[in-house]
Protein backbone atom coordinates (compact mmCIF):
# COMPACT_ATOMS: atom_id res chain seq x y z
CA ARG A 1 81.08 -25.80 10.45
CA GLY A 2 77.95 -26.19 8.32
CA MET A 3 74.95 -27.53 10.15
CA ALA A 4 71.22 -27.59 9.84
CA ALA A 5 68.76 -29.38 12.07
CA PHE A 6 65.35 -30.44 10.83
CA SER A 7 62.60 -32.08 12.86
CA LEU A 8 59.86 -34.13 11.24
CA GLY A 9 57.85 -34.11 14.46
CA ASP A 10 55.69 -36.97 15.66
CA VAL A 11 54.06 -38.44 12.57
CA ALA A 12 52.16 -41.62 11.94
CA VAL A 13 52.23 -42.03 8.19
CA PRO A 14 51.48 -45.44 6.64
CA ARG A 15 54.10 -47.09 4.47
CA GLY A 16 53.61 -46.70 0.71
CA VAL A 17 52.81 -49.78 -1.35
CA PRO A 18 53.66 -50.49 -4.99
CA ASP A 19 50.89 -49.71 -7.43
CA GLU A 20 49.68 -52.11 -10.12
CA GLU A 21 52.44 -51.02 -12.49
CA GLY A 22 55.16 -51.75 -9.92
CA ALA A 23 56.04 -48.18 -8.93
CA ALA A 24 58.58 -48.00 -6.14
CA PRO A 25 57.05 -47.91 -2.64
CA ALA A 26 58.34 -44.37 -2.12
CA ALA A 27 56.40 -43.24 -5.17
CA ALA A 28 53.10 -44.67 -4.03
CA ALA A 29 51.54 -42.52 -1.31
CA ALA A 30 48.71 -44.46 0.32
CA ALA A 31 45.27 -43.05 -0.45
CA GLY A 32 43.96 -41.01 2.45
CA ALA A 33 47.32 -41.14 4.25
CA PRO A 34 47.84 -38.49 6.92
CA ARG A 35 49.92 -35.62 5.66
CA LEU A 36 53.48 -35.30 6.88
CA ARG A 37 53.79 -32.75 9.69
CA TRP A 38 57.12 -31.07 10.23
CA GLN A 39 59.00 -28.32 11.98
CA VAL A 40 62.20 -26.87 10.65
CA ALA A 41 65.02 -24.77 12.03
CA HIS A 42 68.61 -24.35 11.02
CA ALA A 43 71.78 -22.97 12.48
CA THR A 44 75.15 -22.38 10.94
CA ASP A 45 78.55 -21.24 12.10
CA ILE A 46 81.09 -19.38 10.02
CA GLY A 47 83.95 -21.17 11.78
CA GLY A 48 87.36 -19.71 10.98
CA ALA A 49 86.44 -18.68 7.45
CA ARG A 50 85.97 -15.13 6.18
CA GLU A 51 82.42 -15.78 4.94
CA ASN A 52 79.64 -18.24 5.62
CA GLN A 53 79.36 -20.68 2.70
CA ASP A 54 76.46 -22.78 4.00
CA GLU A 55 73.05 -23.14 2.37
CA CYS A 56 69.96 -25.25 3.03
CA PHE A 57 66.49 -25.67 1.61
CA VAL A 58 63.13 -27.26 2.37
CA LEU A 59 60.64 -28.10 -0.37
CA GLU A 60 57.14 -29.22 0.55
CA ALA A 61 55.32 -31.49 -1.90
CA PRO A 62 51.94 -32.26 -0.33
CA GLU A 63 50.66 -33.78 -3.59
CA HIS A 64 53.26 -36.56 -3.06
CA ASN A 65 53.05 -36.56 0.76
CA ALA A 66 56.74 -35.69 0.61
CA LEU A 67 59.25 -33.26 2.02
CA VAL A 68 62.68 -32.58 0.46
CA ILE A 69 65.46 -31.24 2.70
CA GLY A 70 68.93 -30.23 1.51
CA VAL A 71 72.03 -29.06 3.38
CA LEU A 72 75.02 -27.69 1.42
CA ASP A 73 78.47 -26.68 2.68
CA GLY A 74 80.46 -24.68 0.13
CA HIS A 75 84.23 -24.73 0.12
CA GLY A 76 86.88 -22.71 -1.64
CA ARG A 77 88.05 -19.26 -0.58
CA ASP A 78 86.94 -17.52 -3.78
CA VAL A 79 84.02 -19.64 -4.96
CA GLY A 80 82.58 -21.65 -2.06
CA ARG A 81 79.65 -19.34 -1.42
CA VAL A 82 78.84 -19.24 -5.15
CA ALA A 83 78.97 -23.06 -5.34
CA ALA A 84 76.53 -23.61 -2.47
CA ALA A 85 74.11 -20.95 -3.73
CA ALA A 86 74.15 -22.23 -7.34
CA ALA A 87 73.69 -25.85 -6.26
CA ARG A 88 70.83 -24.89 -3.93
CA ALA A 89 68.99 -23.02 -6.70
CA SER A 90 69.55 -25.87 -9.17
CA LEU A 91 68.38 -28.57 -6.75
CA LEU A 92 65.27 -26.63 -5.75
CA ALA A 93 64.34 -26.19 -9.42
CA PHE A 94 65.11 -29.83 -10.22
CA PHE A 95 63.02 -31.28 -7.38
CA SER A 96 60.17 -28.84 -8.07
CA GLU A 97 59.98 -30.08 -11.66
CA ASN A 98 61.05 -33.75 -11.31
CA LEU A 99 60.04 -35.02 -7.88
CA GLU A 100 57.65 -37.61 -9.25
CA GLU A 101 60.49 -39.13 -11.30
CA VAL A 102 62.83 -39.10 -8.29
CA LEU A 103 60.24 -40.89 -6.16
CA ARG A 104 59.68 -43.49 -8.90
CA GLU A 105 63.41 -44.09 -9.53
CA PRO A 106 65.35 -42.65 -6.57
CA TYR A 107 68.86 -43.66 -7.67
CA HIS A 108 68.60 -42.31 -11.22
CA GLY A 109 66.63 -39.26 -10.09
CA MET A 110 69.24 -38.30 -7.50
CA CYS A 111 72.05 -38.84 -10.03
CA ARG A 112 70.29 -36.47 -12.43
CA ALA A 113 69.74 -33.93 -9.63
CA PHE A 114 73.43 -33.92 -8.69
CA CYS A 115 74.55 -33.73 -12.34
CA ALA A 116 72.29 -30.70 -12.87
CA ALA A 117 73.71 -29.08 -9.72
CA HIS A 118 77.28 -29.78 -10.88
CA THR A 119 76.60 -28.07 -14.21
CA ALA A 120 74.99 -25.10 -12.44
CA VAL A 121 78.01 -24.72 -10.13
CA ARG A 122 80.45 -24.84 -13.06
CA GLU A 123 78.46 -22.16 -14.94
CA ALA A 124 78.25 -19.98 -11.82
CA PHE A 125 82.03 -20.25 -11.40
CA ARG A 126 82.54 -19.33 -15.04
CA ASP A 127 80.23 -16.28 -14.73
CA GLN A 128 81.81 -15.02 -11.50
CA LEU A 129 85.37 -15.41 -12.76
CA THR A 130 84.63 -13.83 -16.15
CA GLN A 131 82.99 -10.85 -14.43
CA ALA A 132 86.13 -10.51 -12.26
CA GLY A 133 88.32 -10.25 -15.38
CA TRP A 134 89.59 -13.84 -15.61
CA GLU A 135 89.88 -15.81 -18.83
CA VAL A 136 88.20 -19.18 -18.20
CA SER A 137 88.71 -22.52 -19.96
CA VAL A 138 88.10 -26.23 -19.41
CA ASP A 139 91.17 -28.47 -19.76
CA ALA A 140 91.32 -31.94 -21.36
CA GLU A 141 90.45 -33.67 -18.05
CA GLY A 142 87.40 -31.44 -17.53
CA TYR A 143 88.87 -29.11 -14.90
CA LEU A 144 87.85 -25.46 -14.92
CA MET A 145 90.95 -23.29 -15.40
CA ARG A 146 91.55 -19.54 -15.12
CA ARG A 147 94.20 -16.97 -15.94
CA LYS A 148 94.36 -13.16 -15.96
CA ARG A 149 96.62 -12.60 -19.00
CA LYS A 150 97.42 -14.57 -22.14
CA MET A 151 101.06 -15.19 -21.20
CA GLN A 152 100.30 -16.42 -17.66
CA PRO A 153 99.90 -20.12 -16.85
CA TRP A 154 96.45 -21.57 -16.36
CA LEU A 155 95.40 -22.08 -12.72
CA CYS A 156 92.90 -24.69 -11.59
CA VAL A 157 89.75 -23.33 -9.93
CA HIS A 158 89.49 -24.88 -6.46
CA GLY A 159 86.12 -25.04 -4.78
CA GLY A 160 82.71 -26.63 -4.74
CA THR A 161 80.12 -27.77 -2.26
CA SER A 162 79.11 -30.87 -0.39
CA CYS A 163 75.43 -31.72 -0.27
CA SER A 164 73.13 -33.99 1.73
CA ILE A 165 69.54 -34.52 0.64
CA ILE A 166 66.75 -36.31 2.45
CA ILE A 167 63.34 -36.91 0.95
CA ALA A 168 60.74 -37.99 3.49
CA VAL A 169 57.84 -39.67 1.70
CA GLY A 170 55.25 -41.57 3.68
CA SER A 171 57.22 -43.45 6.30
CA GLU A 172 60.29 -43.82 4.10
CA LEU A 173 63.45 -41.76 3.67
CA ILE A 174 65.41 -41.40 0.46
CA VAL A 175 68.91 -40.16 1.28
CA ALA A 176 71.75 -39.08 -0.99
CA ASN A 177 74.92 -37.12 -0.46
CA VAL A 178 77.94 -35.91 -2.36
CA GLY A 179 81.24 -34.74 -0.93
CA ASP A 180 82.23 -35.09 2.70
CA SER A 181 78.83 -34.23 4.14
CA SER A 182 76.98 -36.61 6.41
CA GLY A 183 73.68 -36.61 8.22
CA VAL A 184 72.36 -37.80 11.54
CA VAL A 185 68.84 -39.24 11.76
CA CYS A 186 67.28 -39.04 15.21
CA ALA A 187 64.09 -40.77 16.27
CA THR A 188 62.02 -40.92 19.41
CA GLY A 189 61.06 -44.48 20.22
CA GLY A 190 58.50 -45.89 22.59
CA GLY A 191 58.57 -44.24 26.01
CA GLY A 192 60.26 -41.13 24.62
CA ALA A 193 63.72 -42.72 24.25
CA ARG A 194 65.81 -40.97 21.62
CA ARG A 195 68.09 -42.74 19.12
CA ALA A 196 70.53 -41.31 16.59
CA HIS A 197 72.14 -42.91 13.52
CA GLU A 198 74.77 -41.32 11.27
């Protein structure tokens, strides 16, 4: 169902090197390195669902010679669209404010990005359900629960979003995903041969 295709074009960008303080290679853009050139397009299909719950984003960061790409596929009949939209907004804000940290410590930075998105999705669910007249609570295991009336049983809120993120910096890729999403990286080798890796 959810799909986005992004092309980074034909680029010749030198590999980053650690600086004197041992910054990760991804964080060290070589001085005078050519800027990343890219083209972007996306397509999505609603599939058999009643609404399209897909989102994507592209964030340029020329000061870091980096490009951040995210693809999100919401799920859940009542809240999937809200989940993908809230996560997209949260991730865009996070990478806009914290990209330098993510490039310096990719694992911890991506963990923080996904935690922030998770919190944003939970709050968006809470807001939407409250506006629709539901009473909302979090149970002992951390699940978001809802009910219409005091005497009714609590019902678990089902929904969320998967997410794949790629950060292209110099000649390196930082990739992270959550949920059942996956990505395919395609490259054109010598002589125009194309290769793909999932």
